């Protein structure tokens, strides 16, 4: 079951917009994995890094091998204790391996306080996370949406969201990030829900 706040947000969006109502009728309620406990937030971010710019099956395979490198929790200290090249041997690029290790070091040094993020604003979470090497706004937005369950994240840099919005709303061309930023204003404060249905539209709606 989706979180109660997402159910309420979806109901309001259905009342606001006919196209969103059609998307909800087609795809059903929003589906989110459970929020991880604070102790697994590092793992959630490492997973997001592994998934950057990869198709689902390839990313899942690489992440599965990466996750298997530690016997217990995929925690910062456990990652930094791995032998050299272990992350690369799992299939991660050098850049992603470096990013996960840099994140681990910053968490251990209390430069990135994952334990405080549940109480921080969206902008502050993004600002803190993007201190880490290889963690850009997209990764931070995915963490906000899927791991902190924030309602008003609008990942305009995500190509799938832009394509899905363009298809669902009948635009002639896929909107640019700047254009999508403006188009999303009317859906505040529930843009995370709209983004989720844009991904569904990108998967299924065929342009005319």
Protein backbone atom coordinates (compact mmCIF):
# COMPACT_ATOMS: atom_id res chain seq x y z
CA UNK A 1 0.00 0.00 0.00
CA UNK A 2 1.24 3.51 -0.76
CA UNK A 3 1.79 5.90 2.18
CA UNK A 4 -1.40 7.61 3.34
CA UNK A 5 -0.08 11.05 2.41
CA UNK A 6 0.55 9.86 -1.16
CA UNK A 7 -2.96 8.43 -1.37
CA UNK A 8 -4.41 11.77 -0.29
CA UNK A 9 -2.16 13.67 -2.71
CA UNK A 10 -3.18 11.41 -5.60
CA UNK A 11 -6.87 11.94 -4.81
CA UNK A 12 -6.42 15.72 -4.88
CA UNK A 13 -4.51 15.57 -8.17
CA UNK A 14 -7.25 13.43 -9.71
CA UNK A 15 -9.75 16.14 -8.80
CA UNK A 16 -7.50 18.84 -10.20
CA UNK A 17 -6.55 17.39 -13.58
CA UNK A 18 -8.33 15.10 -16.06
CA UNK A 19 -5.12 13.76 -17.61
CA UNK A 20 -3.74 12.77 -14.23
CA UNK A 21 -7.09 11.16 -13.43
CA UNK A 22 -6.74 9.06 -16.59
CA UNK A 23 -3.17 8.08 -15.66
CA UNK A 24 -4.24 7.01 -12.19
CA UNK A 25 -7.12 4.99 -13.63
CA UNK A 26 -4.72 3.27 -16.05
CA UNK A 27 -1.80 2.58 -13.72
CA UNK A 28 -3.42 2.30 -10.32
CA UNK A 29 -2.09 3.74 -7.06
CA UNK A 30 1.47 4.94 -6.74
CA UNK A 31 3.85 2.19 -5.63
CA UNK A 32 6.84 2.99 -3.41
CA UNK A 33 9.20 0.69 -1.56
CA UNK A 34 9.08 1.07 2.24
CA UNK A 35 11.20 3.80 3.76
CA UNK A 36 14.51 2.31 4.88
CA UNK A 37 15.56 2.72 8.51
CA UNK A 38 18.20 5.33 9.19
CA UNK A 39 20.83 2.59 9.41
CA UNK A 40 20.22 1.68 5.74
CA UNK A 41 20.15 5.15 4.22
CA UNK A 42 23.77 4.82 3.14
CA UNK A 43 22.91 1.60 1.31
CA UNK A 44 19.96 3.32 -0.37
CA UNK A 45 22.25 6.08 -1.66
CA UNK A 46 24.89 3.61 -2.81
CA UNK A 47 22.18 1.77 -4.72
CA UNK A 48 21.08 5.01 -6.37
CA UNK A 49 24.67 5.68 -7.44
CA UNK A 50 24.95 2.19 -8.92
CA UNK A 51 21.74 2.74 -10.90
CA UNK A 52 22.84 6.05 -12.45
CA UNK A 53 22.49 6.06 -16.26
CA UNK A 54 21.87 2.32 -16.52
CA UNK A 55 18.90 0.25 -17.67
CA UNK A 56 17.00 -1.56 -14.92
CA UNK A 57 18.20 -5.14 -15.45
CA UNK A 58 21.85 -4.20 -15.92
CA UNK A 59 21.77 -1.92 -12.89
CA UNK A 60 20.05 -4.55 -10.75
CA UNK A 61 22.66 -7.16 -11.67
CA UNK A 62 25.58 -4.85 -10.85
CA UNK A 63 23.97 -3.72 -7.63
CA UNK A 64 23.30 -7.33 -6.60
CA UNK A 65 27.00 -8.16 -6.95
CA UNK A 66 27.98 -4.95 -5.17
CA UNK A 67 25.63 -5.59 -2.27
CA UNK A 68 26.99 -9.11 -1.89
CA UNK A 69 30.48 -7.76 -1.17
CA UNK A 70 29.57 -7.24 2.50
CA UNK A 71 28.22 -10.02 4.72
CA UNK A 72 26.15 -7.75 6.95
CA UNK A 73 24.94 -4.20 6.45
CA UNK A 74 26.22 -2.30 3.44
CA UNK A 75 27.58 0.38 5.73
CA UNK A 76 30.30 3.02 5.26
CA UNK A 77 32.92 1.26 7.40
CA UNK A 78 32.27 -2.09 5.69
CA UNK A 79 32.65 -0.51 2.25
CA UNK A 80 35.92 1.20 3.11
CA UNK A 81 37.26 -2.07 4.54
CA UNK A 82 36.82 -3.86 1.21
CA UNK A 83 39.95 -4.81 -0.75
CA UNK A 84 41.08 -2.46 -3.49
CA UNK A 85 39.19 -3.02 -6.73
CA UNK A 86 36.38 -4.94 -5.01
CA UNK A 87 33.72 -2.47 -6.16
CA UNK A 88 35.15 -2.47 -9.67
CA UNK A 89 35.07 -6.28 -9.75
CA UNK A 90 31.32 -6.14 -9.07
CA UNK A 91 30.86 -4.20 -12.29
CA UNK A 92 30.81 -0.61 -11.09
CA UNK A 93 32.62 1.98 -13.15
CA UNK A 94 35.64 3.62 -11.56
CA UNK A 95 33.63 6.83 -11.17
CA UNK A 96 30.80 5.06 -9.33
CA UNK A 97 33.20 3.11 -7.12
CA UNK A 98 34.95 6.36 -6.23
CA UNK A 99 31.59 8.03 -5.55
CA UNK A 100 30.45 5.33 -3.13
CA UNK A 101 33.77 5.42 -1.28
CA UNK A 102 33.72 9.21 -1.08
CA UNK A 103 30.18 9.11 0.29
CA UNK A 104 31.27 6.53 2.87
CA UNK A 105 34.18 8.69 4.01
CA UNK A 106 31.98 11.78 4.32
CA UNK A 107 29.34 9.92 6.32
CA UNK A 108 31.95 8.57 8.73
CA UNK A 109 33.44 12.05 9.07
CA UNK A 110 29.98 13.49 9.88
CA UNK A 111 30.17 15.77 6.85
CA UNK A 112 26.99 14.12 5.58
CA UNK A 113 24.52 13.44 8.38
CA UNK A 114 22.14 10.80 7.10
CA UNK A 115 20.59 10.53 10.56
CA UNK A 116 19.33 14.11 10.37
CA UNK A 117 17.85 14.07 6.87
CA UNK A 118 14.37 13.07 7.94
CA UNK A 119 14.06 16.46 9.64
CA UNK A 120 15.80 18.54 6.95
CA UNK A 121 14.16 20.45 4.11
CA UNK A 122 14.37 19.04 0.60
CA UNK A 123 16.78 21.78 -0.48
CA UNK A 124 19.04 21.17 2.51
CA UNK A 125 19.11 17.41 1.82
CA UNK A 126 20.13 18.08 -1.80
CA UNK A 127 22.80 20.57 -0.71
CA UNK A 128 24.29 18.15 1.80
CA UNK A 129 24.25 15.08 -0.45
CA UNK A 130 25.74 16.83 -3.45
CA UNK A 131 28.89 17.54 -1.45
CA UNK A 132 29.82 13.93 -2.20
CA UNK A 133 31.70 13.09 -5.36
CA UNK A 134 29.42 11.74 -8.05
CA UNK A 135 26.21 12.57 -6.21
CA UNK A 136 24.29 15.09 -8.27
CA UNK A 137 20.77 16.49 -8.05
CA UNK A 138 19.24 13.43 -9.76
CA UNK A 139 20.59 11.02 -7.14
CA UNK A 140 19.51 13.35 -4.35
CA UNK A 141 16.03 13.65 -5.85
CA UNK A 142 15.66 9.88 -6.11
CA UNK A 143 16.65 9.57 -2.45
CA UNK A 144 14.11 12.20 -1.45
CA UNK A 145 11.31 10.57 -3.44
CA UNK A 146 11.85 6.88 -2.85
CA UNK A 147 13.67 6.70 0.48
CA UNK A 148 12.40 9.74 2.41
CA UNK A 149 8.98 9.68 0.67
CA UNK A 150 8.93 13.45 0.13
CA UNK A 151 5.84 14.65 -1.74
CA UNK A 152 7.04 17.67 -3.69
CA UNK A 153 10.18 16.62 -5.56
CA UNK A 154 10.27 17.57 -9.24
CA UNK A 155 13.24 15.87 -11.00
CA UNK A 156 13.32 17.98 -14.15
CA UNK A 157 16.72 16.54 -15.06
CA UNK A 158 15.22 13.06 -15.47
CA UNK A 159 14.65 12.30 -19.16
CA UNK A 160 11.91 9.77 -18.45
CA UNK A 161 9.87 12.33 -16.50
CA UNK A 162 10.21 14.86 -19.31
CA UNK A 163 9.25 12.32 -21.98
CA UNK A 164 6.32 11.04 -19.95
CA UNK A 165 5.02 14.53 -19.26
CA UNK A 166 5.23 15.43 -22.94
CA UNK A 167 3.41 12.28 -24.01
CA UNK A 168 0.73 12.37 -21.35
CA UNK A 169 -0.09 16.03 -21.88
CA UNK A 170 0.12 15.91 -25.68
CA UNK A 171 3.06 18.25 -26.17
CA UNK A 172 4.58 18.44 -29.64
CA UNK A 173 8.12 18.26 -28.25
CA UNK A 174 9.60 16.86 -25.06
CA UNK A 175 9.97 19.76 -22.61
CA UNK A 176 13.40 20.93 -21.59
CA UNK A 177 14.30 20.89 -17.89
CA UNK A 178 13.61 24.62 -17.70
CA UNK A 179 10.25 24.23 -19.42
CA UNK A 180 9.28 21.33 -17.19
CA UNK A 181 10.16 23.36 -14.11
CA UNK A 182 7.55 25.92 -15.10
CA UNK A 183 4.98 23.30 -16.15
CA UNK A 184 5.20 21.66 -12.74
CA UNK A 185 4.31 24.78 -10.77
CA UNK A 186 0.58 24.08 -10.87
CA UNK A 187 1.04 20.66 -9.28
CA UNK A 188 2.70 21.87 -6.09
CA UNK A 189 2.94 20.50 -3.40
CA UNK A 190 2.51 17.02 -4.91
CA UNK A 191 5.01 16.95 -7.76
CA UNK A 192 6.60 13.66 -6.66
CA UNK A 193 3.30 11.94 -7.42
CA UNK A 194 3.08 13.62 -10.83
CA UNK A 195 6.65 12.54 -11.62
CA UNK A 196 5.81 8.92 -10.75
CA UNK A 197 2.92 8.93 -13.22
CA UNK A 198 5.11 10.62 -15.85
CA UNK A 199 7.46 7.64 -15.61
CA UNK A 200 4.51 5.33 -16.16
CA UNK A 201 3.41 7.38 -19.17
CA UNK A 202 6.90 7.23 -20.63
CA UNK A 203 6.75 3.43 -20.43
CA UNK A 204 3.36 2.97 -22.02
CA UNK A 205 1.94 5.93 -23.93
CA UNK A 206 2.75 5.87 -27.65
CA UNK A 207 3.17 9.30 -29.26
CA UNK A 208 0.58 10.04 -31.96
